[in-house]
């Protein structure tokens, strides 16, 4: 499945210019950045409540398809700008990580 398909089905907000053609193969949930670096896989979606610049660097290392900030958590402008500069898909959801992961599983991600 590609990111564009998920946007429409999950009511996600795009926070920057995104590459909606990225393939999505699963998700990783975590807020401890070292765990994300060690365990997130390429083309997964990363679900987190973090909204600071470090999520951009970690997402690049892990090569995830997108970062989705859950629970309508605040994302600072520096993070949005950095995501734009680095080509990281940065999205937002009002759902909790659990509910969003459950919806992703229902969609076969």
N, C-alpha and C. Protein backbone atom coordinates (compact mmCIF):
# COMPACT_ATOMS: atom_id res chain seq x y z
N UNK A 1 0.85 -1.18 0.00
CA UNK A 1 0.00 0.00 0.00
C UNK A 1 0.90 1.24 0.00
N UNK A 2 0.43 2.31 -0.61
CA UNK A 2 1.20 3.55 -0.63
C UNK A 2 0.59 4.56 0.34
N UNK A 3 1.41 5.52 0.71
CA UNK A 3 1.02 6.51 1.71
C UNK A 3 -0.24 7.26 1.32
N UNK A 4 -0.39 7.58 0.06
CA UNK A 4 -1.57 8.32 -0.40
C UNK A 4 -2.86 7.59 -0.04
N UNK A 5 -2.87 6.27 -0.21
CA UNK A 5 -4.06 5.48 0.12
C UNK A 5 -4.41 5.59 1.60
N UNK A 6 -3.39 5.61 2.44
CA UNK A 6 -3.63 5.69 3.89
C UNK A 6 -4.15 7.05 4.30
N UNK A 7 -3.67 8.10 3.68
CA UNK A 7 -4.11 9.46 4.02
C UNK A 7 -5.62 9.58 3.92
N UNK A 8 -6.14 9.10 2.85
CA UNK A 8 -7.57 9.20 2.61
C UNK A 8 -8.38 8.36 3.59
N UNK A 9 -7.87 7.19 3.92
CA UNK A 9 -8.63 6.26 4.77
C UNK A 9 -8.50 6.55 6.26
N UNK A 10 -7.45 7.26 6.67
CA UNK A 10 -7.19 7.47 8.09
C UNK A 10 -7.35 8.92 8.54
N UNK A 11 -7.77 9.78 7.63
CA UNK A 11 -7.99 11.19 7.96
C UNK A 11 -6.75 11.83 8.60
N UNK A 12 -5.60 11.65 7.96
CA UNK A 12 -4.35 12.20 8.46
C UNK A 12 -4.14 13.61 7.93
N UNK A 13 -3.45 14.41 8.72
CA UNK A 13 -3.10 15.77 8.32
C UNK A 13 -1.65 15.78 7.85
N UNK A 14 -1.41 16.35 6.69
CA UNK A 14 -0.05 16.49 6.16
C UNK A 14 0.55 17.77 6.73
N UNK A 15 1.71 17.66 7.36
CA UNK A 15 2.35 18.83 7.96
C UNK A 15 3.39 19.47 7.06
N UNK A 16 3.81 18.78 6.01
CA UNK A 16 4.80 19.33 5.07
C UNK A 16 4.55 18.74 3.69
N UNK A 17 5.29 19.23 2.71
CA UNK A 17 5.21 18.65 1.37
C UNK A 17 5.68 17.21 1.47
N UNK A 18 4.80 16.29 1.13
CA UNK A 18 5.10 14.88 1.34
C UNK A 18 5.17 14.12 0.03
N UNK A 19 5.95 13.04 0.03
CA UNK A 19 6.03 12.12 -1.10
C UNK A 19 5.01 11.01 -0.84
N UNK A 20 3.82 11.22 -1.34
CA UNK A 20 2.73 10.30 -1.05
C UNK A 20 2.81 8.99 -1.82
N UNK A 21 3.84 8.84 -2.64
CA UNK A 21 4.00 7.59 -3.39
C UNK A 21 4.84 6.56 -2.62
N UNK A 22 5.32 6.92 -1.44
CA UNK A 22 6.14 5.99 -0.66
C UNK A 22 5.35 4.75 -0.28
N UNK A 23 5.99 3.61 -0.41
CA UNK A 23 5.41 2.32 -0.04
C UNK A 23 5.36 2.22 1.49
N UNK A 24 4.33 1.59 2.02
CA UNK A 24 4.17 1.40 3.46
C UNK A 24 4.04 -0.10 3.73
N UNK A 25 4.93 -0.60 4.60
CA UNK A 25 4.93 -2.02 4.97
C UNK A 25 5.02 -2.15 6.48
N UNK A 26 3.92 -1.90 7.17
CA UNK A 26 3.87 -2.05 8.61
C UNK A 26 4.08 -0.75 9.35
N UNK A 27 4.08 -0.85 10.66
CA UNK A 27 4.31 0.34 11.48
C UNK A 27 5.14 -0.02 12.70
N UNK A 28 5.75 1.00 13.25
CA UNK A 28 6.50 0.86 14.50
C UNK A 28 5.98 1.94 15.44
N UNK A 29 5.71 1.56 16.67
CA UNK A 29 5.22 2.51 17.67
C UNK A 29 6.30 2.66 18.72
N UNK A 30 6.70 3.90 18.96
CA UNK A 30 7.69 4.12 20.00
C UNK A 30 8.03 5.58 20.16
N UNK A 31 8.38 5.94 21.39
CA UNK A 31 8.77 7.31 21.70
C UNK A 31 10.22 7.39 22.18
N UNK A 32 10.81 6.26 22.48
CA UNK A 32 12.21 6.22 22.88
C UNK A 32 13.05 6.13 21.61
N UNK A 33 13.74 7.21 21.29
CA UNK A 33 14.40 7.33 19.99
C UNK A 33 15.41 6.22 19.73
N UNK A 34 16.13 5.80 20.74
CA UNK A 34 17.11 4.72 20.54
C UNK A 34 16.43 3.41 20.16
N UNK A 35 15.25 3.16 20.70
CA UNK A 35 14.49 1.96 20.30
C UNK A 35 14.03 2.04 18.86
N UNK A 36 13.60 3.22 18.46
CA UNK A 36 13.15 3.40 17.08
C UNK A 36 14.32 3.18 16.13
N UNK A 37 15.48 3.75 16.45
CA UNK A 37 16.67 3.56 15.60
C UNK A 37 17.05 2.09 15.49
N UNK A 38 16.89 1.34 16.57
CA UNK A 38 17.29 -0.06 16.59
C UNK A 38 16.25 -1.00 15.96
N UNK A 39 14.98 -0.60 15.98
CA UNK A 39 13.94 -1.57 15.64
C UNK A 39 13.02 -1.21 14.49
N UNK A 40 12.86 0.06 14.17
CA UNK A 40 11.99 0.44 13.05
C UNK A 40 12.63 -0.03 11.75
N UNK A 41 11.80 -0.44 10.84
CA UNK A 41 12.27 -0.99 9.56
C UNK A 41 11.96 -0.03 8.42
N UNK A 42 12.74 -0.16 7.36
CA UNK A 42 12.53 0.62 6.16
C UNK A 42 11.09 0.44 5.65
N UNK A 43 10.49 1.54 5.26
CA UNK A 43 9.13 1.61 4.71
C UNK A 43 8.01 1.38 5.72
N UNK A 44 8.34 1.30 7.00
CA UNK A 44 7.29 1.28 8.00
C UNK A 44 6.85 2.73 8.26
N UNK A 45 5.70 2.86 8.89
CA UNK A 45 5.26 4.15 9.41
C UNK A 45 5.62 4.16 10.88
N UNK A 46 6.16 5.27 11.34
CA UNK A 46 6.53 5.41 12.75
C UNK A 46 5.47 6.25 13.44
N UNK A 47 4.85 5.69 14.48
CA UNK A 47 3.86 6.39 15.28
C UNK A 47 4.50 6.85 16.58
N UNK A 48 4.36 8.14 16.90
CA UNK A 48 5.00 8.70 18.09
C UNK A 48 4.22 9.91 18.59
N UNK A 49 4.45 10.27 19.84
CA UNK A 49 3.90 11.53 20.36
C UNK A 49 4.94 12.64 20.33
N UNK A 50 6.17 12.28 19.95
CA UNK A 50 7.25 13.26 19.91
C UNK A 50 7.02 14.24 18.77
N UNK A 51 7.37 15.50 19.00
CA UNK A 51 7.19 16.51 17.96
C UNK A 51 8.40 17.41 17.79
N UNK A 52 9.54 16.99 18.29
CA UNK A 52 10.75 17.81 18.21
C UNK A 52 11.63 17.38 17.04
N UNK A 53 12.68 18.15 16.75
CA UNK A 53 13.52 17.93 15.57
C UNK A 53 14.20 16.57 15.52
N UNK A 54 14.47 15.97 16.65
CA UNK A 54 15.19 14.69 16.65
C UNK A 54 14.42 13.59 15.93
N UNK A 55 13.10 13.70 15.84
CA UNK A 55 12.34 12.67 15.14
C UNK A 55 12.67 12.66 13.64
N UNK A 56 13.08 13.80 13.12
CA UNK A 56 13.43 13.87 11.70
C UNK A 56 14.71 13.08 11.45
N UNK A 57 15.72 13.32 12.29
CA UNK A 57 16.99 12.60 12.14
C UNK A 57 16.79 11.10 12.30
N UNK A 58 16.01 10.70 13.29
CA UNK A 58 15.78 9.27 13.53
C UNK A 58 15.00 8.64 12.37
N UNK A 59 14.04 9.35 11.84
CA UNK A 59 13.27 8.80 10.72
C UNK A 59 14.15 8.59 9.49
N UNK A 60 15.13 9.47 9.29
CA UNK A 60 16.07 9.30 8.18
C UNK A 60 16.96 8.08 8.39
N UNK A 61 17.43 7.90 9.61
CA UNK A 61 18.26 6.73 9.91
C UNK A 61 17.49 5.43 9.72
N UNK A 62 16.26 5.42 10.15
CA UNK A 62 15.44 4.20 10.07
C UNK A 62 14.82 4.01 8.68
N UNK A 63 14.85 5.04 7.87
CA UNK A 63 14.29 5.00 6.51
C UNK A 63 12.81 4.64 6.50
N UNK A 64 12.06 5.20 7.46
CA UNK A 64 10.63 4.96 7.50
C UNK A 64 9.93 5.74 6.40
N UNK A 65 8.76 5.31 6.01
CA UNK A 65 7.99 5.99 4.97
C UNK A 65 7.42 7.31 5.45
N UNK A 66 7.05 7.35 6.72
CA UNK A 66 6.46 8.56 7.29
C UNK A 66 6.52 8.50 8.80
N UNK A 67 6.48 9.68 9.39
CA UNK A 67 6.31 9.82 10.83
C UNK A 67 4.91 10.37 11.04
N UNK A 68 4.14 9.69 11.88
CA UNK A 68 2.81 10.20 12.23
C UNK A 68 2.83 10.54 13.72
N UNK A 69 2.62 11.81 13.99
CA UNK A 69 2.54 12.28 15.37
C UNK A 69 1.09 12.09 15.80
N UNK A 70 0.89 11.30 16.83
CA UNK A 70 -0.45 10.90 17.26
C UNK A 70 -0.97 11.78 18.39
N UNK A 71 -2.24 11.58 18.71
CA UNK A 71 -2.92 12.27 19.81
C UNK A 71 -2.91 13.79 19.65
N UNK A 72 -2.85 14.24 18.40
CA UNK A 72 -2.80 15.68 18.13
C UNK A 72 -1.69 16.38 18.91
N UNK A 73 -0.62 15.67 19.17
CA UNK A 73 0.52 16.26 19.90
C UNK A 73 1.12 17.40 19.09
N UNK A 74 1.68 18.33 19.80
CA UNK A 74 2.26 19.51 19.18
C UNK A 74 3.53 19.15 18.41
N UNK A 75 3.68 19.71 17.23
CA UNK A 75 4.89 19.55 16.43
C UNK A 75 5.44 20.94 16.22
N UNK A 76 6.68 21.16 16.65
CA UNK A 76 7.23 22.52 16.53
C UNK A 76 7.57 22.86 15.08
N UNK A 77 7.57 24.14 14.79
CA UNK A 77 7.82 24.63 13.43
C UNK A 77 9.19 24.22 12.90
N UNK A 78 10.18 24.17 13.78
CA UNK A 78 11.52 23.75 13.35
C UNK A 78 11.49 22.32 12.82
N UNK A 79 10.70 21.47 13.45
CA UNK A 79 10.59 20.08 13.00
C UNK A 79 9.93 20.00 11.64
N UNK A 80 8.89 20.79 11.44
CA UNK A 80 8.19 20.80 10.16
C UNK A 80 9.13 21.30 9.06
N UNK A 81 9.85 22.36 9.35
CA UNK A 81 10.79 22.91 8.37
C UNK A 81 11.90 21.90 8.05
N UNK A 82 12.42 21.25 9.08
CA UNK A 82 13.49 20.26 8.90
C UNK A 82 12.99 19.07 8.07
N UNK A 83 11.77 18.62 8.35
CA UNK A 83 11.18 17.53 7.59
C UNK A 83 11.07 17.92 6.11
N UNK A 84 10.68 19.13 5.87
CA UNK A 84 10.57 19.64 4.50
C UNK A 84 11.93 19.61 3.81
N UNK A 85 12.95 20.10 4.51
CA UNK A 85 14.31 20.16 3.95
C UNK A 85 14.86 18.77 3.64
N UNK A 86 14.57 17.81 4.50
CA UNK A 86 15.14 16.47 4.38
C UNK A 86 14.26 15.48 3.62
N UNK A 87 13.07 15.91 3.23
CA UNK A 87 12.19 15.02 2.48
C UNK A 87 11.52 13.95 3.33
N UNK A 88 11.29 14.25 4.59
CA UNK A 88 10.63 13.31 5.51
C UNK A 88 9.13 13.59 5.50
N UNK A 89 8.34 12.57 5.31
CA UNK A 89 6.88 12.71 5.36
C UNK A 89 6.45 12.83 6.82
N UNK A 90 5.92 13.99 7.17
CA UNK A 90 5.51 14.26 8.55
C UNK A 90 4.00 14.50 8.56
N UNK A 91 3.31 13.63 9.29
CA UNK A 91 1.86 13.65 9.33
C UNK A 91 1.37 13.73 10.76
N UNK A 92 0.08 13.97 10.91
CA UNK A 92 -0.49 14.09 12.26
C UNK A 92 -1.85 13.40 12.29
N UNK A 93 -2.17 12.83 13.47
CA UNK A 93 -3.46 12.16 13.67
C UNK A 93 -4.00 12.52 15.04
N UNK A 94 -5.30 12.59 15.13
CA UNK A 94 -5.92 12.82 16.44
C UNK A 94 -6.06 11.52 17.24
N UNK A 95 -5.90 10.39 16.56
CA UNK A 95 -6.03 9.09 17.22
C UNK A 95 -4.84 8.77 18.12
N UNK A 96 -5.04 7.88 19.08
CA UNK A 96 -3.92 7.37 19.86
C UNK A 96 -3.11 6.42 18.99
N UNK A 97 -1.90 6.12 19.40
CA UNK A 97 -1.06 5.18 18.65
C UNK A 97 -1.76 3.82 18.55
N UNK A 98 -2.36 3.39 19.63
CA UNK A 98 -3.06 2.10 19.64
C UNK A 98 -4.18 2.07 18.60
N UNK A 99 -5.05 3.09 18.63
CA UNK A 99 -6.19 3.11 17.70
C UNK A 99 -5.72 3.23 16.26
N UNK A 100 -4.69 4.02 16.03
CA UNK A 100 -4.18 4.18 14.68
C UNK A 100 -3.54 2.87 14.19
N UNK A 101 -2.77 2.22 15.04
CA UNK A 101 -2.16 0.94 14.68
C UNK A 101 -3.24 -0.11 14.39
N UNK A 102 -4.28 -0.10 15.16
CA UNK A 102 -5.39 -1.02 14.94
C UNK A 102 -6.04 -0.78 13.58
N UNK A 103 -6.23 0.48 13.22
CA UNK A 103 -6.79 0.83 11.90
C UNK A 103 -5.85 0.41 10.78
N UNK A 104 -4.54 0.62 11.00
CA UNK A 104 -3.56 0.20 9.99
C UNK A 104 -3.61 -1.31 9.78
N UNK A 105 -3.72 -2.05 10.88
CA UNK A 105 -3.80 -3.51 10.78
C UNK A 105 -5.07 -3.94 10.03
N UNK A 106 -6.18 -3.26 10.28
CA UNK A 106 -7.41 -3.56 9.57
C UNK A 106 -7.27 -3.33 8.07
N UNK A 107 -6.42 -2.37 7.70
CA UNK A 107 -6.19 -2.06 6.29
C UNK A 107 -5.14 -2.98 5.67
N UNK A 108 -4.55 -3.85 6.47
CA UNK A 108 -3.57 -4.80 5.97
C UNK A 108 -2.16 -4.26 5.87
N UNK A 109 -1.89 -3.20 6.59
CA UNK A 109 -0.53 -2.62 6.59
C UNK A 109 0.35 -3.38 7.54
